[in-house]
């Protein structure tokens, strides 16, 4: 989230009334959090190969 806030061309929206947009933003924030936890060694993420095999 710190990275997103540091980018001057991105503004952080606090409230979104469109349900689909709100869900997308929530999912994106969760993905950023997962990456942060991965970088800290607190979470293991699936490899691209594992992800594709699930499809």
Protein backbone atom coordinates (compact mmCIF):
# COMPACT_ATOMS: atom_id res chain seq x y z
CA UNK A 1 0.00 0.00 0.00
CA UNK A 2 2.94 2.30 0.68
CA UNK A 3 4.10 1.78 -2.90
CA UNK A 4 0.67 2.71 -4.25
CA UNK A 5 0.56 5.83 -2.10
CA UNK A 6 4.05 6.86 -3.27
CA UNK A 7 2.98 6.91 -6.93
CA UNK A 8 1.82 10.42 -7.79
CA UNK A 9 -0.45 9.29 -10.64
CA UNK A 10 -2.54 7.02 -8.39
CA UNK A 11 -5.09 8.29 -5.92
CA UNK A 12 -6.40 6.09 -3.13
CA UNK A 13 -10.18 6.04 -2.99
CA UNK A 14 -11.77 5.58 0.41
CA UNK A 15 -15.35 4.88 -0.67
CA UNK A 16 -16.65 3.38 -3.89
CA UNK A 17 -20.39 3.08 -4.48
CA UNK A 18 -20.20 0.72 -7.47
CA UNK A 19 -20.24 -2.81 -6.03
CA UNK A 20 -18.11 -4.37 -8.81
CA UNK A 21 -15.48 -1.64 -8.53
CA UNK A 22 -15.50 -1.95 -4.76
CA UNK A 23 -14.95 -5.71 -4.97
CA UNK A 24 -12.12 -5.23 -7.49
CA UNK A 25 -10.41 -2.67 -5.26
CA UNK A 26 -10.75 -4.97 -2.26
CA UNK A 27 -9.26 -7.89 -4.20
CA UNK A 28 -6.40 -5.72 -5.45
CA UNK A 29 -5.63 -4.48 -1.94
CA UNK A 30 -5.60 -8.09 -0.72
CA UNK A 31 -3.18 -9.01 -3.51
CA UNK A 32 -0.85 -6.15 -2.52
CA UNK A 33 -1.02 -7.35 1.07
CA UNK A 34 -0.19 -10.92 -0.01
CA UNK A 35 2.87 -9.68 -1.90
CA UNK A 36 3.97 -7.67 1.13
CA UNK A 37 3.63 -10.74 3.38
CA UNK A 38 5.51 -12.84 0.81
CA UNK A 39 8.38 -10.35 0.72
CA UNK A 40 8.54 -10.47 4.53
CA UNK A 41 8.68 -14.28 4.40
CA UNK A 42 5.37 -14.61 6.24
CA UNK A 43 3.38 -16.14 3.36
CA UNK A 44 4.14 -18.64 0.64
CA UNK A 45 2.52 -18.00 -2.73
CA UNK A 46 1.65 -20.51 -5.43
CA UNK A 47 3.91 -20.77 -8.44
CA UNK A 48 2.54 -19.83 -11.86
CA UNK A 49 2.70 -23.50 -12.82
CA UNK A 50 0.51 -24.50 -9.86
CA UNK A 51 -1.91 -21.70 -10.62
CA UNK A 52 -2.26 -22.71 -14.27
CA UNK A 53 -2.73 -26.38 -13.39
CA UNK A 54 -5.78 -25.42 -11.31
CA UNK A 55 -7.45 -23.96 -14.38
